[in-house]
PDB file of N, CA and C in Angstrom:
ATOM      1  N   UNK A   1     -20.830  21.152  20.632  1.00  0.00           N
ATOM      2  CA  UNK A   1     -20.026  20.337  19.746  1.00  0.00           C
ATOM      3  C   UNK A   1     -20.562  20.482  18.321  1.00  0.00           C
ATOM      4  N   UNK A   2     -19.646  20.444  17.356  1.00  0.00           N
ATOM      5  CA  UNK A   2     -20.039  20.459  15.950  1.00  0.00           C
ATOM      6  C   UNK A   2     -19.433  19.251  15.251  1.00  0.00           C
ATOM      7  N   UNK A   3     -20.220  18.626  14.385  1.00  0.00           N
ATOM      8  CA  UNK A   3     -19.757  17.503  13.587  1.00  0.00           C
ATOM      9  C   UNK A   3     -19.764  17.919  12.123  1.00  0.00           C
ATOM     10  N   UNK A   4     -18.624  17.734  11.472  1.00  0.00           N
ATOM     11  CA  UNK A   4     -18.482  18.126  10.066  1.00  0.00           C
ATOM     12  C   UNK A   4     -18.197  16.874   9.239  1.00  0.00           C
ATOM     13  N   UNK A   5     -19.189  16.476   8.452  1.00  0.00           N
ATOM     14  CA  UNK A   5     -19.018  15.302   7.598  1.00  0.00           C
ATOM     15  C   UNK A   5     -18.501  15.715   6.234  1.00  0.00           C
ATOM     16  N   UNK A   6     -17.663  14.875   5.657  1.00  0.00           N
ATOM     17  CA  UNK A   6     -17.102  15.148   4.337  1.00  0.00           C
ATOM     18  C   UNK A   6     -16.769  13.831   3.652  1.00  0.00           C
ATOM     19  N   UNK A   7     -16.426  13.941   2.355  1.00  0.00           N
ATOM     20  CA  UNK A   7     -15.984  12.761   1.626  1.00  0.00           C
ATOM     21  C   UNK A   7     -16.992  12.203   0.648  1.00  0.00           C
ATOM     22  N   UNK A   8     -18.190  12.751   0.642  1.00  0.00           N
ATOM     23  CA  UNK A   8     -19.191  12.281  -0.300  1.00  0.00           C
ATOM     24  C   UNK A   8     -18.839  12.673  -1.723  1.00  0.00           C
ATOM     25  N   UNK A   9     -19.572  12.105  -2.673  1.00  0.00           N
ATOM     26  CA  UNK A   9     -19.330  12.418  -4.064  1.00  0.00           C
ATOM     27  C   UNK A   9     -20.059  11.460  -4.979  1.00  0.00           C
ATOM     28  N   UNK A  10     -19.711  11.537  -6.243  1.00  0.00           N
ATOM     29  CA  UNK A  10     -20.307  10.673  -7.265  1.00  0.00           C
ATOM     30  C   UNK A  10     -19.338   9.546  -7.594  1.00  0.00           C
ATOM     31  N   UNK A  11     -19.830   8.331  -7.569  1.00  0.00           N
ATOM     32  CA  UNK A  11     -18.990   7.175  -7.853  1.00  0.00           C
ATOM     33  C   UNK A  11     -19.806   6.150  -8.625  1.00  0.00           C
ATOM     34  N   UNK A  12     -19.129   5.365  -9.448  1.00  0.00           N
ATOM     35  CA  UNK A  12     -19.814   4.311 -10.178  1.00  0.00           C
ATOM     36  C   UNK A  12     -20.059   3.107  -9.279  1.00  0.00           C
ATOM     37  N   UNK A  13     -21.059   2.341  -9.619  1.00  0.00           N
ATOM     38  CA  UNK A  13     -21.345   1.114  -8.882  1.00  0.00           C
ATOM     39  C   UNK A  13     -20.089   0.240  -8.838  1.00  0.00           C
ATOM     40  N   UNK A  14     -19.831  -0.323  -7.678  1.00  0.00           N
ATOM     41  CA  UNK A  14     -18.635  -1.120  -7.479  1.00  0.00           C
ATOM     42  C   UNK A  14     -17.451  -0.341  -6.955  1.00  0.00           C
ATOM     43  N   UNK A  15     -17.576   0.971  -6.952  1.00  0.00           N
ATOM     44  CA  UNK A  15     -16.496   1.825  -6.494  1.00  0.00           C
ATOM     45  C   UNK A  15     -16.482   1.994  -4.982  1.00  0.00           C
ATOM     46  N   UNK A  16     -15.578   2.861  -4.527  1.00  0.00           N
ATOM     47  CA  UNK A  16     -15.384   3.085  -3.093  1.00  0.00           C
ATOM     48  C   UNK A  16     -15.348   4.567  -2.770  1.00  0.00           C
ATOM     49  N   UNK A  17     -15.725   4.870  -1.553  1.00  0.00           N
ATOM     50  CA  UNK A  17     -15.596   6.209  -0.994  1.00  0.00           C
ATOM     51  C   UNK A  17     -15.271   6.068   0.482  1.00  0.00           C
ATOM     52  N   UNK A  18     -14.628   7.083   1.015  1.00  0.00           N
ATOM     53  CA  UNK A  18     -14.351   7.117   2.445  1.00  0.00           C
ATOM     54  C   UNK A  18     -14.900   8.412   3.014  1.00  0.00           C
ATOM     55  N   UNK A  19     -15.838   8.289   3.919  1.00  0.00           N
ATOM     56  CA  UNK A  19     -16.414   9.446   4.589  1.00  0.00           C
ATOM     57  C   UNK A  19     -15.667   9.732   5.880  1.00  0.00           C
ATOM     58  N   UNK A  20     -15.599  11.008   6.222  1.00  0.00           N
ATOM     59  CA  UNK A  20     -14.994  11.432   7.481  1.00  0.00           C
ATOM     60  C   UNK A  20     -15.971  12.327   8.230  1.00  0.00           C
ATOM     61  N   UNK A  21     -15.865  12.328   9.529  1.00  0.00           N
ATOM     62  CA  UNK A  21     -16.691  13.191  10.372  1.00  0.00           C
ATOM     63  C   UNK A  21     -15.799  13.729  11.478  1.00  0.00           C
ATOM     64  N   UNK A  22     -15.471  15.004  11.377  1.00  0.00           N
ATOM     65  CA  UNK A  22     -14.588  15.642  12.343  1.00  0.00           C
ATOM     66  C   UNK A  22     -15.411  16.352  13.408  1.00  0.00           C
ATOM     67  N   UNK A  23     -15.040  16.144  14.666  1.00  0.00           N
ATOM     68  CA  UNK A  23     -15.746  16.773  15.778  1.00  0.00           C
ATOM     69  C   UNK A  23     -14.927  17.930  16.327  1.00  0.00           C
ATOM     70  N   UNK A  24     -15.613  19.013  16.651  1.00  0.00           N
ATOM     71  CA  UNK A  24     -14.970  20.147  17.294  1.00  0.00           C
ATOM     72  C   UNK A  24     -15.764  20.501  18.542  1.00  0.00           C
ATOM     73  N   UNK A  25     -15.136  21.237  19.433  1.00  0.00           N
ATOM     74  CA  UNK A  25     -15.761  21.501  20.712  1.00  0.00           C
ATOM     75  C   UNK A  25     -15.611  20.287  21.603  1.00  0.00           C
ATOM     76  N   UNK A  26     -16.622  19.949  22.352  1.00  0.00           N
ATOM     77  CA  UNK A  26     -16.567  18.728  23.144  1.00  0.00           C
ATOM     78  C   UNK A  26     -16.530  17.533  22.193  1.00  0.00           C
ATOM     79  N   UNK A  27     -15.624  16.617  22.415  1.00  0.00           N
ATOM     80  CA  UNK A  27     -15.386  15.581  21.412  1.00  0.00           C
ATOM     81  C   UNK A  27     -16.167  14.296  21.659  1.00  0.00           C
ATOM     82  N   UNK A  28     -16.675  14.091  22.868  1.00  0.00           N
ATOM     83  CA  UNK A  28     -17.430  12.869  23.157  1.00  0.00           C
ATOM     84  C   UNK A  28     -16.625  11.628  22.792  1.00  0.00           C
ATOM     85  N   UNK A  29     -15.353  11.604  23.100  1.00  0.00           N
ATOM     86  CA  UNK A  29     -14.504  10.477  22.715  1.00  0.00           C
ATOM     87  C   UNK A  29     -14.898   9.194  23.425  1.00  0.00           C
ATOM     88  N   UNK A  30     -15.629   9.284  24.520  1.00  0.00           N
ATOM     89  CA  UNK A  30     -16.022   8.073  25.247  1.00  0.00           C
ATOM     90  C   UNK A  30     -17.427   7.599  24.883  1.00  0.00           C
ATOM     91  N   UNK A  31     -18.007   8.156  23.840  1.00  0.00           N
ATOM     92  CA  UNK A  31     -19.363   7.810  23.428  1.00  0.00           C
ATOM     93  C   UNK A  31     -19.367   6.994  22.142  1.00  0.00           C
ATOM     94  N   UNK A  32     -20.424   6.220  21.974  1.00  0.00           N
ATOM     95  CA  UNK A  32     -20.665   5.522  20.715  1.00  0.00           C
ATOM     96  C   UNK A  32     -20.964   6.556  19.634  1.00  0.00           C
ATOM     97  N   UNK A  33     -20.371   6.357  18.462  1.00  0.00           N
ATOM     98  CA  UNK A  33     -20.626   7.238  17.328  1.00  0.00           C
ATOM     99  C   UNK A  33     -21.132   6.409  16.158  1.00  0.00           C
ATOM    100  N   UNK A  34     -21.882   7.049  15.282  1.00  0.00           N
ATOM    101  CA  UNK A  34     -22.580   6.286  14.254  1.00  0.00           C
ATOM    102  C   UNK A  34     -22.696   7.050  12.945  1.00  0.00           C
ATOM    103  N   UNK A  35     -23.019   6.288  11.928  1.00  0.00           N
ATOM    104  CA  UNK A  35     -23.414   6.834  10.626  1.00  0.00           C
ATOM    105  C   UNK A  35     -24.848   6.402  10.340  1.00  0.00           C
ATOM    106  N   UNK A  36     -25.635   7.349   9.862  1.00  0.00           N
ATOM    107  CA  UNK A  36     -26.975   7.093   9.356  1.00  0.00           C
ATOM    108  C   UNK A  36     -27.025   7.617   7.919  1.00  0.00           C
ATOM    109  N   UNK A  37     -28.070   7.252   7.199  1.00  0.00           N
ATOM    110  CA  UNK A  37     -28.251   7.796   5.857  1.00  0.00           C
ATOM    111  C   UNK A  37     -29.737   8.033   5.606  1.00  0.00           C
ATOM    112  N   UNK A  38     -29.991   8.912   4.661  1.00  0.00           N
ATOM    113  CA  UNK A  38     -31.375   9.251   4.360  1.00  0.00           C
ATOM    114  C   UNK A  38     -31.502   9.708   2.914  1.00  0.00           C
ATOM    115  N   UNK A  39     -32.543   9.231   2.257  1.00  0.00           N
ATOM    116  CA  UNK A  39     -32.897   9.705   0.930  1.00  0.00           C
ATOM    117  C   UNK A  39     -34.231  10.433   1.034  1.00  0.00           C
ATOM    118  N   UNK A  40     -34.483  11.379   0.133  1.00  0.00           N
ATOM    119  CA  UNK A  40     -35.727  12.149   0.187  1.00  0.00           C
ATOM    120  C   UNK A  40     -36.960  11.250   0.208  1.00  0.00           C
ATOM    121  N   UNK A  41     -37.849  11.550   1.131  1.00  0.00           N
ATOM    122  CA  UNK A  41     -39.089  10.797   1.217  1.00  0.00           C
ATOM    123  C   UNK A  41     -39.010   9.529   2.034  1.00  0.00           C
ATOM    124  N   UNK A  42     -37.818   9.230   2.535  1.00  0.00           N
ATOM    125  CA  UNK A  42     -37.651   8.017   3.336  1.00  0.00           C
ATOM    126  C   UNK A  42     -37.173   8.371   4.732  1.00  0.00           C
ATOM    127  N   UNK A  43     -37.383   7.447   5.655  1.00  0.00           N
ATOM    128  CA  UNK A  43     -36.914   7.666   7.019  1.00  0.00           C
ATOM    129  C   UNK A  43     -35.394   7.503   7.075  1.00  0.00           C
ATOM    130  N   UNK A  44     -34.831   8.144   8.079  1.00  0.00           N
ATOM    131  CA  UNK A  44     -33.396   7.998   8.285  1.00  0.00           C
ATOM    132  C   UNK A  44     -33.089   6.547   8.659  1.00  0.00           C
ATOM    133  N   UNK A  45     -32.016   6.040   8.085  1.00  0.00           N
ATOM    134  CA  UNK A  45     -31.667   4.621   8.223  1.00  0.00           C
ATOM    135  C   UNK A  45     -30.311   4.474   8.908  1.00  0.00           C
ATOM    136  N   UNK A  46     -30.269   3.599   9.885  1.00  0.00           N
ATOM    137  CA  UNK A  46     -29.012   3.293  10.572  1.00  0.00           C
ATOM    138  C   UNK A  46     -28.066   2.574   9.620  1.00  0.00           C
ATOM    139  N   UNK A  47     -26.793   2.968   9.635  1.00  0.00           N
ATOM    140  CA  UNK A  47     -25.787   2.313   8.806  1.00  0.00           C
ATOM    141  C   UNK A  47     -24.812   1.510   9.674  1.00  0.00           C
ATOM    142  N   UNK A  48     -24.212   2.174  10.643  1.00  0.00           N
ATOM    143  CA  UNK A  48     -23.222   1.490  11.488  1.00  0.00           C
ATOM    144  C   UNK A  48     -22.908   2.351  12.695  1.00  0.00           C
ATOM    145  N   UNK A  49     -22.463   1.701  13.786  1.00  0.00           N
ATOM    146  CA  UNK A  49     -21.914   2.468  14.877  1.00  0.00           C
ATOM    147  C   UNK A  49     -20.708   1.764  15.469  1.00  0.00           C
ATOM    148  N   UNK A  50     -20.003   2.468  16.338  1.00  0.00           N
ATOM    149  CA  UNK A  50     -18.746   1.966  16.883  1.00  0.00           C
ATOM    150  C   UNK A  50     -18.602   2.463  18.320  1.00  0.00           C
ATOM    151  N   UNK A  51     -18.092   1.603  19.185  1.00  0.00           N
ATOM    152  CA  UNK A  51     -17.937   2.000  20.585  1.00  0.00           C
ATOM    153  C   UNK A  51     -16.711   2.894  20.748  1.00  0.00           C
ATOM    154  N   UNK A  52     -16.521   3.417  21.970  1.00  0.00           N
ATOM    155  CA  UNK A  52     -15.489   4.428  22.146  1.00  0.00           C
ATOM    156  C   UNK A  52     -14.087   3.877  21.949  1.00  0.00           C
ATOM    157  N   UNK A  53     -13.883   2.576  22.235  1.00  0.00           N
ATOM    158  CA  UNK A  53     -12.549   2.002  22.038  1.00  0.00           C
ATOM    159  C   UNK A  53     -12.304   1.621  20.582  1.00  0.00           C
ATOM    160  N   UNK A  54     -13.383   1.519  19.825  1.00  0.00           N
ATOM    161  CA  UNK A  54     -13.250   1.124  18.427  1.00  0.00           C
ATOM    162  C   UNK A  54     -13.181  -0.366  18.201  1.00  0.00           C
ATOM    163  N   UNK A  55     -13.472  -1.158  19.227  1.00  0.00           N
ATOM    164  CA  UNK A  55     -13.357  -2.609  19.071  1.00  0.00           C
ATOM    165  C   UNK A  55     -14.703  -3.320  18.998  1.00  0.00           C
ATOM    166  N   UNK A  56     -15.773  -2.563  19.054  1.00  0.00           N
ATOM    167  CA  UNK A  56     -17.103  -3.152  18.886  1.00  0.00           C
ATOM    168  C   UNK A  56     -17.855  -2.334  17.851  1.00  0.00           C
ATOM    169  N   UNK A  57     -18.288  -3.000  16.800  1.00  0.00           N
ATOM    170  CA  UNK A  57     -19.010  -2.323  15.730  1.00  0.00           C
ATOM    171  C   UNK A  57     -20.324  -3.048  15.433  1.00  0.00           C
ATOM    172  N   UNK A  58     -21.278  -2.292  14.972  1.00  0.00           N
ATOM    173  CA  UNK A  58     -22.580  -2.838  14.592  1.00  0.00           C
ATOM    174  C   UNK A  58     -22.913  -2.296  13.212  1.00  0.00           C
ATOM    175  N   UNK A  59     -23.405  -3.158  12.341  1.00  0.00           N
ATOM    176  CA  UNK A  59     -23.721  -2.750  10.979  1.00  0.00           C
ATOM    177  C   UNK A  59     -25.151  -3.143  10.609  1.00  0.00           C
ATOM    178  N   UNK A  60     -25.752  -2.326   9.769  1.00  0.00           N
ATOM    179  CA  UNK A  60     -27.017  -2.721   9.162  1.00  0.00           C
ATOM    180  C   UNK A  60     -26.739  -3.880   8.214  1.00  0.00           C
ATOM    181  N   UNK A  61     -27.700  -4.768   8.075  1.00  0.00           N
ATOM    182  CA  UNK A  61     -27.514  -5.921   7.191  1.00  0.00           C
ATOM    183  C   UNK A  61     -27.215  -5.490   5.759  1.00  0.00           C
ATOM    184  N   UNK A  62     -27.767  -4.364   5.364  1.00  0.00           N
ATOM    185  CA  UNK A  62     -27.622  -3.907   3.977  1.00  0.00           C
ATOM    186  C   UNK A  62     -26.200  -3.492   3.623  1.00  0.00           C
ATOM    187  N   UNK A  63     -25.370  -3.213   4.622  1.00  0.00           N
ATOM    188  CA  UNK A  63     -23.995  -2.760   4.347  1.00  0.00           C
ATOM    189  C   UNK A  63     -22.940  -3.710   4.898  1.00  0.00           C
ATOM    190  N   UNK A  64     -23.373  -4.711   5.629  1.00  0.00           N
ATOM    191  CA  UNK A  64     -22.429  -5.632   6.263  1.00  0.00           C
ATOM    192  C   UNK A  64     -21.546  -6.298   5.215  1.00  0.00           C
ATOM    193  N   UNK A  65     -20.238  -6.293   5.474  1.00  0.00           N
ATOM    194  CA  UNK A  65     -19.290  -6.888   4.549  1.00  0.00           C
ATOM    195  C   UNK A  65     -18.794  -5.936   3.485  1.00  0.00           C
ATOM    196  N   UNK A  66     -19.442  -4.773   3.348  1.00  0.00           N
ATOM    197  CA  UNK A  66     -19.023  -3.787   2.342  1.00  0.00           C
ATOM    198  C   UNK A  66     -18.517  -2.498   2.977  1.00  0.00           C
ATOM    199  N   UNK A  67     -19.093  -2.118   4.103  1.00  0.00           N
ATOM    200  CA  UNK A  67     -18.719  -0.882   4.792  1.00  0.00           C
ATOM    201  C   UNK A  67     -17.940  -1.204   6.060  1.00  0.00           C
ATOM    202  N   UNK A  68     -17.023  -0.304   6.401  1.00  0.00           N
ATOM    203  CA  UNK A  68     -16.258  -0.437   7.639  1.00  0.00           C
ATOM    204  C   UNK A  68     -16.239   0.892   8.364  1.00  0.00           C
ATOM    205  N   UNK A  69     -16.704   0.880   9.609  1.00  0.00           N
ATOM    206  CA  UNK A  69     -16.671   2.081  10.436  1.00  0.00           C
ATOM    207  C   UNK A  69     -15.443   2.036  11.326  1.00  0.00           C
ATOM    208  N   UNK A  70     -14.826   3.185  11.525  1.00  0.00           N
ATOM    209  CA  UNK A  70     -13.660   3.262  12.398  1.00  0.00           C
ATOM    210  C   UNK A  70     -13.602   4.656  13.008  1.00  0.00           C
ATOM    211  N   UNK A  71     -12.742   4.830  13.986  1.00  0.00           N
ATOM    212  CA  UNK A  71     -12.605   6.134  14.615  1.00  0.00           C
ATOM    213  C   UNK A  71     -11.171   6.330  15.076  1.00  0.00           C
ATOM    214  N   UNK A  72     -10.773   7.584  15.123  1.00  0.00           N
ATOM    215  CA  UNK A  72      -9.465   7.977  15.631  1.00  0.00           C
ATOM    216  C   UNK A  72      -9.733   9.027  16.700  1.00  0.00           C
ATOM    217  N   UNK A  73      -9.738   8.616  17.959  1.00  0.00           N
ATOM    218  CA  UNK A  73     -10.075   9.540  19.047  1.00  0.00           C
ATOM    219  C   UNK A  73      -9.038  10.645  19.194  1.00  0.00           C
ATOM    220  N   UNK A  74      -7.799  10.365  18.851  1.00  0.00           N
ATOM    221  CA  UNK A  74      -6.760  11.394  18.933  1.00  0.00           C
ATOM    222  C   UNK A  74      -7.023  12.521  17.943  1.00  0.00           C
ATOM    223  N   UNK A  75      -7.646  12.179  16.812  1.00  0.00           N
ATOM    224  CA  UNK A  75      -7.975  13.185  15.792  1.00  0.00           C
ATOM    225  C   UNK A  75      -9.436  13.620  15.873  1.00  0.00           C
ATOM    226  N   UNK A  76     -10.170  13.052  16.827  1.00  0.00           N
ATOM    227  CA  UNK A  76     -11.602  13.378  16.974  1.00  0.00           C
ATOM    228  C   UNK A  76     -12.365  13.168  15.682  1.00  0.00           C
ATOM    229  N   UNK A  77     -12.053  12.098  15.002  1.00  0.00           N
ATOM    230  CA  UNK A  77     -12.646  11.857  13.685  1.00  0.00           C
ATOM    231  C   UNK A  77     -13.223  10.454  13.582  1.00  0.00           C
ATOM    232  N   UNK A  78     -14.374  10.387  12.965  1.00  0.00           N
ATOM    233  CA  UNK A  78     -15.075   9.134  12.676  1.00  0.00           C
ATOM    234  C   UNK A  78     -14.999   8.897  11.176  1.00  0.00           C
ATOM    235  N   UNK A  79     -14.870   7.637  10.771  1.00  0.00           N
ATOM    236  CA  UNK A  79     -14.744   7.302   9.355  1.00  0.00           C
ATOM    237  C   UNK A  79     -15.771   6.249   8.947  1.00  0.00           C
ATOM    238  N   UNK A  80     -16.043   6.240   7.650  1.00  0.00           N
ATOM    239  CA  UNK A  80     -16.848   5.161   7.076  1.00  0.00           C
ATOM    240  C   UNK A  80     -16.243   4.829   5.713  1.00  0.00           C
ATOM    241  N   UNK A  81     -15.582   3.684   5.642  1.00  0.00           N
ATOM    242  CA  UNK A  81     -15.042   3.196   4.377  1.00  0.00           C
ATOM    243  C   UNK A  81     -16.141   2.404   3.682  1.00  0.00           C
ATOM    244  N   UNK A  82     -16.478   2.831   2.487  1.00  0.00           N
ATOM    245  CA  UNK A  82     -17.570   2.194   1.741  1.00  0.00           C
ATOM    246  C   UNK A  82     -17.011   1.573   0.467  1.00  0.00           C
ATOM    247  N   UNK A  83     -17.097   0.271   0.372  1.00  0.00           N
ATOM    248  CA  UNK A  83     -16.620  -0.465  -0.793  1.00  0.00           C
ATOM    249  C   UNK A  83     -17.787  -1.154  -1.492  1.00  0.00           C
ATOM    250  N   UNK A  84     -17.544  -1.572  -2.731  1.00  0.00           N
ATOM    251  CA  UNK A  84     -18.570  -2.277  -3.504  1.00  0.00           C
ATOM    252  C   UNK A  84     -19.903  -1.530  -3.470  1.00  0.00           C
ATOM    253  N   UNK A  85     -19.828  -0.247  -3.718  1.00  0.00           N
ATOM    254  CA  UNK A  85     -21.025   0.587  -3.618  1.00  0.00           C
ATOM    255  C   UNK A  85     -22.066   0.200  -4.650  1.00  0.00           C
ATOM    256  N   UNK A  86     -23.322   0.346  -4.246  1.00  0.00           N
ATOM    257  CA  UNK A  86     -24.464   0.022  -5.094  1.00  0.00           C
ATOM    258  C   UNK A  86     -25.328   1.273  -5.273  1.00  0.00           C
ATOM    259  N   UNK A  87     -26.096   1.339  -6.344  1.00  0.00           N
ATOM    260  CA  UNK A  87     -26.982   2.501  -6.523  1.00  0.00           C
ATOM    261  C   UNK A  87     -27.904   2.735  -5.332  1.00  0.00           C
ATOM    262  N   UNK A  88     -28.315   1.681  -4.671  1.00  0.00           N
ATOM    263  CA  UNK A  88     -29.204   1.837  -3.511  1.00  0.00           C
ATOM    264  C   UNK A  88     -28.501   2.419  -2.286  1.00  0.00           C
ATOM    265  N   UNK A  89     -27.188   2.597  -2.358  1.00  0.00           N
ATOM    266  CA  UNK A  89     -26.461   3.274  -1.288  1.00  0.00           C
ATOM    267  C   UNK A  89     -26.529   4.789  -1.433  1.00  0.00           C
ATOM    268  N   UNK A  90     -27.066   5.266  -2.526  1.00  0.00           N
ATOM    269  CA  UNK A  90     -27.196   6.701  -2.755  1.00  0.00           C
ATOM    270  C   UNK A  90     -28.049   7.332  -1.659  1.00  0.00           C
ATOM    271  N   UNK A  91     -27.495   8.349  -0.995  1.00  0.00           N
ATOM    272  CA  UNK A  91     -28.187   8.993   0.125  1.00  0.00           C
ATOM    273  C   UNK A  91     -27.314  10.105   0.682  1.00  0.00           C
ATOM    274  N   UNK A  92     -27.922  10.911   1.545  1.00  0.00           N
ATOM    275  CA  UNK A  92     -27.139  11.792   2.400  1.00  0.00           C
ATOM    276  C   UNK A  92     -26.700  10.971   3.603  1.00  0.00           C
ATOM    277  N   UNK A  93     -25.440  11.064   3.949  1.00  0.00           N
ATOM    278  CA  UNK A  93     -24.885  10.330   5.074  1.00  0.00           C
ATOM    279  C   UNK A  93     -24.592  11.299   6.214  1.00  0.00           C
ATOM    280  N   UNK A  94     -25.045  10.914   7.407  1.00  0.00           N
ATOM    281  CA  UNK A  94     -24.917  11.753   8.585  1.00  0.00           C
ATOM    282  C   UNK A  94     -24.169  11.019   9.690  1.00  0.00           C
ATOM    283  N   UNK A  95     -23.300  11.741  10.377  1.00  0.00           N
ATOM    284  CA  UNK A  95     -22.677  11.186  11.565  1.00  0.00           C
ATOM    285  C   UNK A  95     -23.414  11.710  12.798  1.00  0.00           C
ATOM    286  N   UNK A  96     -23.350  10.941  13.872  1.00  0.00           N
ATOM    287  CA  UNK A  96     -24.078  11.319  15.079  1.00  0.00           C
ATOM    288  C   UNK A  96     -23.439  10.665  16.289  1.00  0.00           C
ATOM    289  N   UNK A  97     -23.757  11.199  17.456  1.00  0.00           N
ATOM    290  CA  UNK A  97     -23.233  10.697  18.717  1.00  0.00           C
ATOM    291  C   UNK A  97     -24.386  10.114  19.531  1.00  0.00           C
ATOM    292  N   UNK A  98     -24.196   8.911  20.013  1.00  0.00           N
ATOM    293  CA  UNK A  98     -25.236   8.241  20.800  1.00  0.00           C
ATOM    294  C   UNK A  98     -25.089   8.658  22.258  1.00  0.00           C
ATOM    295  N   UNK A  99     -26.114   9.266  22.800  1.00  0.00           N
ATOM    296  CA  UNK A  99     -26.041   9.790  24.160  1.00  0.00           C
ATOM    297  C   UNK A  99     -26.914   9.027  25.139  1.00  0.00           C
ATOM    298  N   UNK A 100     -27.742   8.126  24.643  1.00  0.00           N
ATOM    299  CA  UNK A 100     -28.638   7.358  25.495  1.00  0.00           C
ATOM    300  C   UNK A 100     -28.534   5.890  25.121  1.00  0.00           C
ATOM    301  N   UNK A 101     -28.488   5.016  26.119  1.00  0.00           N
ATOM    302  CA  UNK A 101     -28.398   3.587  25.828  1.00  0.00           C
ATOM    303  C   UNK A 101     -29.706   3.099  25.237  1.00  0.00           C
ATOM    304  N   UNK A 102     -29.595   2.054  24.418  1.00  0.00           N
ATOM    305  CA  UNK A 102     -30.777   1.503  23.795  1.00  0.00           C
ATOM    306  C   UNK A 102     -30.449   0.934  22.432  1.00  0.00           C
ATOM    307  N   UNK A 103     -31.489   0.690  21.665  1.00  0.00           N
ATOM    308  CA  UNK A 103     -31.331   0.052  20.359  1.00  0.00           C
ATOM    309  C   UNK A 103     -30.436   0.904  19.441  1.00  0.00           C
ATOM    310  N   UNK A 104     -29.440   0.272  18.837  1.00  0.00           N
ATOM    311  CA  UNK A 104     -28.463   1.009  18.037  1.00  0.00           C
ATOM    312  C   UNK A 104     -29.098   1.761  16.877  1.00  0.00           C
ATOM    313  N   UNK A 105     -30.139   1.217  16.306  1.00  0.00           N
ATOM    314  CA  UNK A 105     -30.740   1.818  15.121  1.00  0.00           C
ATOM    315  C   UNK A 105     -31.776   2.903  15.430  1.00  0.00           C
ATOM    316  N   UNK A 106     -32.030   3.150  16.696  1.00  0.00           N
ATOM    317  CA  UNK A 106     -33.024   4.154  17.096  1.00  0.00           C
ATOM    318  C   UNK A 106     -32.382   5.538  17.048  1.00  0.00           C
ATOM    319  N   UNK A 107     -32.730   6.323  16.047  1.00  0.00           N
ATOM    320  CA  UNK A 107     -32.047   7.611  15.870  1.00  0.00           C
ATOM    321  C   UNK A 107     -32.413   8.625  16.951  1.00  0.00           C
ATOM    322  N   UNK A 108     -33.469   8.386  17.710  1.00  0.00           N
ATOM    323  CA  UNK A 108     -33.828   9.308  18.795  1.00  0.00           C
ATOM    324  C   UNK A 108     -32.832   9.246  19.950  1.00  0.00           C
ATOM    325  N   UNK A 109     -31.979   8.232  19.975  1.00  0.00           N
ATOM    326  CA  UNK A 109     -30.979   8.083  21.026  1.00  0.00           C
ATOM    327  C   UNK A 109     -29.685   8.814  20.690  1.00  0.00           C
ATOM    328  N   UNK A 110     -29.655   9.432  19.535  1.00  0.00           N
ATOM    329  CA  UNK A 110     -28.456  10.121  19.065  1.00  0.00           C
ATOM    330  C   UNK A 110     -28.668  11.635  19.072  1.00  0.00           C
ATOM    331  N   UNK A 111     -27.580  12.343  19.347  1.00  0.00           N
ATOM    332  CA  UNK A 111     -27.606  13.808  19.285  1.00  0.00           C
ATOM    333  C   UNK A 111     -26.403  14.305  18.515  1.00  0.00           C
ATOM    334  N   UNK A 112     -26.337  15.599  18.310  1.00  0.00           N
ATOM    335  CA  UNK A 112     -25.212  16.280  17.667  1.00  0.00           C
ATOM    336  C   UNK A 112     -24.962  15.710  16.276  1.00  0.00           C
ATOM    337  N   UNK A 113     -25.925  15.855  15.435  1.00  0.00           N
ATOM    338  CA  UNK A 113     -25.851  15.353  14.075  1.00  0.00           C
ATOM    339  C   UNK A 113     -24.989  16.271  13.217  1.00  0.00           C
ATOM    340  N   UNK A 114     -24.209  15.654  12.317  1.00  0.00           N
ATOM    341  CA  UNK A 114     -23.471  16.422  11.326  1.00  0.00           C
ATOM    342  C   UNK A 114     -24.430  16.909  10.248  1.00  0.00           C
ATOM    343  N   UNK A 115     -23.908  17.708   9.320  1.00  0.00           N
ATOM    344  CA  UNK A 115     -24.762  18.341   8.325  1.00  0.00           C
ATOM    345  C   UNK A 115     -25.087  17.417   7.148  1.00  0.00           C
ATOM    346  N   UNK A 116     -24.438  16.309   7.050  1.00  0.00           N
ATOM    347  CA  UNK A 116     -24.706  15.383   5.961  1.00  0.00           C
ATOM    348  C   UNK A 116     -23.793  15.595   4.779  1.00  0.00           C
ATOM    349  N   UNK A 117     -23.400  14.489   4.168  1.00  0.00           N
ATOM    350  CA  UNK A 117     -22.602  14.536   2.951  1.00  0.00           C
ATOM    351  C   UNK A 117     -23.258  13.593   1.943  1.00  0.00           C
ATOM    352  N   UNK A 118     -23.387  14.057   0.701  1.00  0.00           N
ATOM    353  CA  UNK A 118     -24.147  13.315  -0.308  1.00  0.00           C
ATOM    354  C   UNK A 118     -23.272  12.292  -1.021  1.00  0.00           C
ATOM    355  N   UNK A 119     -23.748  11.075  -1.035  1.00  0.00           N
ATOM    356  CA  UNK A 119     -23.114   9.993  -1.790  1.00  0.00           C
ATOM    357  C   UNK A 119     -24.066   9.591  -2.913  1.00  0.00           C
ATOM    358  N   UNK A 120     -23.560   9.641  -4.140  1.00  0.00           N
ATOM    359  CA  UNK A 120     -24.355   9.262  -5.297  1.00  0.00           C
ATOM    360  C   UNK A 120     -23.640   8.139  -6.029  1.00  0.00           C
ATOM    361  N   UNK A 121     -24.330   7.022  -6.192  1.00  0.00           N
ATOM    362  CA  UNK A 121     -23.737   5.862  -6.870  1.00  0.00           C
ATOM    363  C   UNK A 121     -24.493   5.640  -8.172  1.00  0.00           C
ATOM    364  N   UNK A 122     -23.779   5.753  -9.262  1.00  0.00           N
ATOM    365  CA  UNK A 122     -24.405   5.580 -10.575  1.00  0.00           C
ATOM    366  C   UNK A 122     -24.287   4.126 -11.035  1.00  0.00           C
ATOM    367  N   UNK A 123     -25.279   3.689 -11.781  1.00  0.00           N
ATOM    368  CA  UNK A 123     -25.284   2.298 -12.245  1.00  0.00           C
ATOM    369  C   UNK A 123     -24.570   2.153 -13.576  1.00  0.00           C
TER     370      UNK A 123
END
C-alpha cells in the first residue's frame, strides 16, 4: 500500500488548510487511520485519528476544536481540515494506518506512513 499526502503549504496565522491522504494498493478501509506531525529535532506527535466508519475520532488537545479529521472510504482518502492555524502548527504532516490495538498516540502501532506534507504557518 502507498499513502500520498498532499495539501500542505504556507498560510498566515488564523488561516485554514485541508490535507488529503490518498491510499493506493490495499486500502485498509476497515482500519483506523491517523495524522501525525513532526518538526525537526522533535518527536513525532499524534494529531488525530478516525475509526473505519468515520464516527469515532480522537484529537490531541493541542488541535481539539480547530482540526477535523474525516475519511471517504469510497475514495480511499483521509482528510484533515485545519482551521484557526497557529505558528506552532508548523510541521510536516504524515498520514498513517493503525495496525495494532493500543494507545492512539503511540506511533509504533501505525504502519504504512505517507511521505509527509509541509504546513507552514506564518505569524
